[in-house]
Amino acid sequence: MRPADPVLYSFRRCPYAIRARLALAMSGTPCEVREVKLAAKPASMIEASPKGTVPVLVLPDGTVIDESLDVMRWALAAHDPERWLARDDPALIAANDGAFKHDLDRYKYPERYGSDPMTHRDAALTFVRLLDERLASGPQLCGVERGLADMAILPFVRQFAAVDREWFVAQPLAHLQAWLERHLASALFHSVMLRLAPWNSGDEPAVLFDA
């Protein structure tokens, strides 16, 4: 690894980490990705960000960026070849990260939260239908081309769909289903979903997203 490369602490399936990786990959930011085992988080990650959640991006000067949207915007501010920043929607992303994520967690992990999963699935469906209606007027959430809003929300819709794939496919959500499948089949998405072994101190670095 080159001395000047940022380090990203990540977890393959975490939707927050996925959207950070999508932006880093799109920007071509050279980056060492350290896959985190959530049950045994590296001490260096906790030292950098005591809250202990991924993603955590540590820049060469020691600056720490530990909010996924901040990682996205930092990466794209440096290089944004598809102009994702021009297709942002902070209010829509806030709705995703707020009420929708709340219901998604309680639908996916009812044992953890002591929740009624069907109640929270129905509540989450309100937001999902909103996305479907929006996509009826264009192939992406903010127009014709993919942008930051799409990439910020995509990993959470993916997670929602995966809880009960048969049920999701049976819903009248044709626009959203097509949008999801296009993105999941894209080369960009596949490039950020590589399987890495959990990182341990002393491991050889895995450098991804090289410019």
Protein backbone atom coordinates (compact mmCIF):
# COMPACT_ATOMS: atom_id res chain seq x y z
CA MET A 1 0.00 0.00 0.00
CA ARG A 2 1.21 3.50 -0.75
CA PRO A 3 1.73 5.64 2.38
CA ALA A 4 -0.87 8.16 1.26
CA ASP A 5 -3.79 5.78 0.81
CA PRO A 6 -6.85 6.21 3.07
CA VAL A 7 -7.99 3.23 5.14
CA LEU A 8 -11.64 2.17 5.16
CA TYR A 9 -13.00 -0.03 7.93
CA SER A 10 -15.99 -1.75 6.41
CA PHE A 11 -18.40 -4.69 6.67
CA ARG A 12 -19.49 -6.27 3.42
CA ARG A 13 -23.24 -6.48 4.09
CA CYS A 14 -23.72 -3.25 6.06
CA PRO A 15 -25.85 -0.85 3.95
CA TYR A 16 -24.02 2.19 5.34
CA ALA A 17 -20.67 0.68 4.41
CA ILE A 18 -21.96 -0.36 0.97
CA ARG A 19 -22.96 3.17 0.05
CA ALA A 20 -19.62 4.52 1.24
CA ARG A 21 -17.80 1.95 -0.90
CA LEU A 22 -19.95 2.81 -3.92
CA ALA A 23 -18.89 6.46 -3.76
CA LEU A 24 -15.24 5.62 -3.11
CA ALA A 25 -15.25 3.25 -6.08
CA MET A 26 -16.95 5.75 -8.36
CA SER A 27 -14.50 8.48 -7.38
CA GLY A 28 -11.55 6.17 -8.00
CA THR A 29 -10.14 6.89 -4.56
CA PRO A 30 -7.19 4.58 -3.83
CA CYS A 31 -8.22 2.94 -0.58
CA GLU A 32 -7.22 0.07 1.70
CA VAL A 33 -10.38 -1.76 2.75
CA ARG A 34 -10.25 -3.54 6.10
CA GLU A 35 -13.14 -5.96 6.50
CA VAL A 36 -14.39 -5.86 10.09
CA LYS A 37 -15.71 -8.80 12.08
CA LEU A 38 -18.42 -7.07 14.09
CA ALA A 39 -17.98 -9.40 17.06
CA ALA A 40 -14.26 -8.58 17.23
CA LYS A 41 -13.75 -5.02 16.04
CA PRO A 42 -10.11 -4.02 15.54
CA ALA A 43 -8.63 -1.84 18.27
CA SER A 44 -7.33 0.57 15.62
CA MET A 45 -10.88 1.14 14.37
CA ILE A 46 -12.21 1.82 17.88
CA GLU A 47 -9.30 4.17 18.51
CA ALA A 48 -10.16 6.08 15.34
CA SER A 49 -13.93 6.10 15.98
CA PRO A 50 -15.03 5.09 19.50
CA LYS A 51 -18.66 4.71 18.44
CA GLY A 52 -17.57 1.46 16.80
CA THR A 53 -19.76 1.42 13.72
CA VAL A 54 -18.78 1.12 10.07
CA PRO A 55 -17.85 2.73 7.81
CA VAL A 56 -14.83 4.49 9.24
CA LEU A 57 -12.51 6.24 6.79
CA VAL A 58 -9.11 7.26 8.12
CA LEU A 59 -7.27 9.74 5.90
CA PRO A 60 -3.47 9.87 5.66
CA ASP A 61 -3.34 13.04 7.78
CA GLY A 62 -5.27 11.30 10.59
CA THR A 63 -8.65 12.85 9.80
CA VAL A 64 -11.48 10.43 10.54
CA ILE A 65 -14.77 10.40 8.62
CA ASP A 66 -17.19 8.02 10.30
CA GLU A 67 -20.58 8.90 8.81
CA SER A 68 -21.43 7.14 5.56
CA LEU A 69 -22.93 10.16 3.81
CA ASP A 70 -19.90 12.24 4.79
CA VAL A 71 -17.65 9.58 3.24
CA MET A 72 -19.71 9.68 0.05
CA ARG A 73 -19.60 13.45 -0.24
CA TRP A 74 -15.90 13.64 0.63
CA ALA A 75 -15.03 11.13 -2.09
CA LEU A 76 -17.24 12.72 -4.72
CA ALA A 77 -16.04 16.22 -3.90
CA ALA A 78 -12.57 15.04 -4.97
CA HIS A 79 -13.71 13.32 -8.17
CA ASP A 80 -17.26 12.88 -9.42
CA PRO A 81 -17.08 11.55 -13.00
CA GLU A 82 -20.83 10.86 -13.28
CA ARG A 83 -21.85 14.04 -11.41
CA TRP A 84 -23.59 12.14 -8.62
CA LEU A 85 -23.56 15.21 -6.39
CA ALA A 86 -25.85 16.96 -8.87
CA ARG A 87 -28.46 14.25 -8.29
CA ASP A 88 -28.82 14.41 -4.53
CA ASP A 89 -32.00 14.60 -2.46
CA PRO A 90 -31.22 15.18 1.23
CA ALA A 91 -34.87 14.99 2.29
CA LEU A 92 -35.41 11.63 0.59
CA ILE A 93 -32.19 10.24 2.05
CA ALA A 94 -33.19 11.50 5.51
CA ALA A 95 -36.52 9.66 5.20
CA ASN A 96 -34.61 6.52 4.24
CA ASP A 97 -32.18 6.83 7.12
CA GLY A 98 -34.91 7.73 9.61
CA ALA A 99 -38.34 6.13 9.63
CA PHE A 100 -37.63 3.59 6.89
CA LYS A 101 -34.43 2.30 8.54
CA HIS A 102 -36.25 2.14 11.89
CA ASP A 103 -38.96 -0.07 10.41
CA LEU A 104 -36.52 -2.08 8.30
CA ASP A 105 -34.52 -3.08 11.37
CA ARG A 106 -37.64 -4.18 13.24
CA TYR A 107 -38.90 -6.10 10.22
CA LYS A 108 -35.58 -7.85 9.61
CA TYR A 109 -34.60 -8.44 13.25
CA PRO A 110 -37.84 -8.90 15.26
CA GLU A 111 -36.10 -11.06 17.88
CA ARG A 112 -33.55 -8.33 18.55
CA TYR A 113 -36.14 -5.60 18.96
CA GLY A 114 -39.08 -7.59 20.33
CA SER A 115 -41.13 -6.22 17.45
CA ASP A 116 -44.02 -7.35 15.27
CA PRO A 117 -42.29 -7.74 11.89
CA MET A 118 -45.47 -7.46 9.82
CA THR A 119 -46.41 -4.14 11.42
CA HIS A 120 -43.00 -2.73 10.56
CA ARG A 121 -43.03 -4.26 7.07
CA ASP A 122 -46.31 -2.46 6.39
CA ALA A 123 -44.88 0.80 7.73
CA ALA A 124 -41.73 0.47 5.64
CA LEU A 125 -43.84 -0.24 2.57
CA THR A 126 -45.08 3.35 2.66
CA PHE A 127 -41.59 4.62 1.83
CA VAL A 128 -41.00 1.83 -0.69
CA ARG A 129 -44.17 2.79 -2.54
CA LEU A 130 -43.02 6.41 -2.58
CA LEU A 131 -39.81 5.32 -4.30
CA ASP A 132 -41.77 3.26 -6.82
CA GLU A 133 -44.02 6.22 -7.64
CA ARG A 134 -41.01 8.44 -8.10
CA LEU A 135 -39.35 5.94 -10.42
CA ALA A 136 -42.48 5.84 -12.57
CA SER A 137 -41.36 9.16 -14.04
CA GLY A 138 -37.76 8.22 -14.73
CA PRO A 139 -35.25 5.38 -14.44
CA GLN A 140 -33.44 6.91 -11.46
CA LEU A 141 -34.56 8.76 -8.35
CA CYS A 142 -33.33 12.14 -9.57
CA GLY A 143 -33.66 11.85 -13.30
CA VAL A 144 -32.25 9.76 -16.09
CA GLU A 145 -28.79 9.04 -14.69
CA ARG A 146 -27.83 7.43 -11.39
CA GLY A 147 -26.75 9.79 -8.66
CA LEU A 148 -26.02 10.14 -4.98
CA ALA A 149 -29.64 9.64 -3.94
CA ASP A 150 -29.81 6.30 -5.76
CA MET A 151 -26.56 5.03 -4.29
CA ALA A 152 -27.37 6.21 -0.76
CA ILE A 153 -30.77 4.46 -0.72
CA LEU A 154 -30.02 1.36 -2.82
CA PRO A 155 -28.34 -0.74 -0.08
CA PHE A 156 -31.32 -0.32 2.25
CA VAL A 157 -33.88 -1.27 -0.41
CA ARG A 158 -31.70 -4.29 -1.18
CA GLN A 159 -31.85 -5.30 2.46
CA PHE A 160 -35.62 -4.80 2.62
CA ALA A 161 -36.17 -6.91 -0.50
CA ALA A 162 -33.96 -9.70 0.80
CA VAL A 163 -35.90 -10.28 4.03
CA ASP A 164 -38.65 -12.09 2.09
CA ARG A 165 -37.69 -12.10 -1.57
CA GLU A 166 -40.80 -14.00 -2.70
CA TRP A 167 -43.11 -11.51 -0.99
CA PHE A 168 -41.18 -8.52 -2.36
CA VAL A 169 -41.27 -9.77 -5.93
CA ALA A 170 -45.04 -10.31 -5.66
CA GLN A 171 -45.70 -6.67 -4.73
CA PRO A 172 -46.93 -4.18 -7.37
CA LEU A 173 -43.62 -2.30 -7.34
CA ALA A 174 -42.50 -2.81 -10.92
CA HIS A 175 -40.49 0.42 -11.21
CA LEU A 176 -38.63 -0.09 -7.96
CA GLN A 177 -37.99 -3.76 -8.65
CA ALA A 178 -36.51 -2.97 -12.06
CA TRP A 179 -34.37 -0.16 -10.56
CA LEU A 180 -33.08 -2.48 -7.86
CA GLU A 181 -32.23 -5.28 -10.26
CA ARG A 182 -30.39 -2.94 -12.63
CA HIS A 183 -28.20 -1.63 -9.85
CA LEU A 184 -27.53 -5.02 -8.28
CA ALA A 185 -26.44 -6.33 -11.70
CA SER A 186 -24.11 -3.40 -12.38
CA ALA A 187 -20.35 -3.74 -12.56
CA LEU A 188 -20.03 -0.97 -9.97
CA PHE A 189 -22.11 -2.82 -7.39
CA HIS A 190 -20.27 -6.08 -7.98
CA SER A 191 -16.94 -4.28 -7.58
CA VAL A 192 -17.76 -3.18 -4.02
CA MET A 193 -19.18 -6.53 -2.88
CA LEU A 194 -15.99 -8.57 -3.04
CA ARG A 195 -15.62 -11.04 -0.17
CA LEU A 196 -12.64 -10.22 2.02
CA ALA A 197 -11.42 -12.10 5.06
CA PRO A 198 -11.71 -10.16 8.33
CA TRP A 199 -8.70 -7.91 8.78
CA ASN A 200 -6.22 -8.41 11.58
CA SER A 201 -3.31 -6.20 12.57
CA GLY A 202 -0.27 -7.22 10.57
CA ASP A 203 -2.23 -8.50 7.57
CA GLU A 204 -1.11 -7.57 4.10
CA PRO A 205 -3.30 -4.66 2.93
CA ALA A 206 -5.99 -5.22 0.34
CA VAL A 207 -6.04 -2.10 -1.83
CA LEU A 208 -9.31 -1.59 -3.66
CA PHE A 209 -10.83 1.29 -5.60
CA ASP A 210 -7.42 2.14 -7.05
CA ALA A 211 -7.48 5.12 -9.40
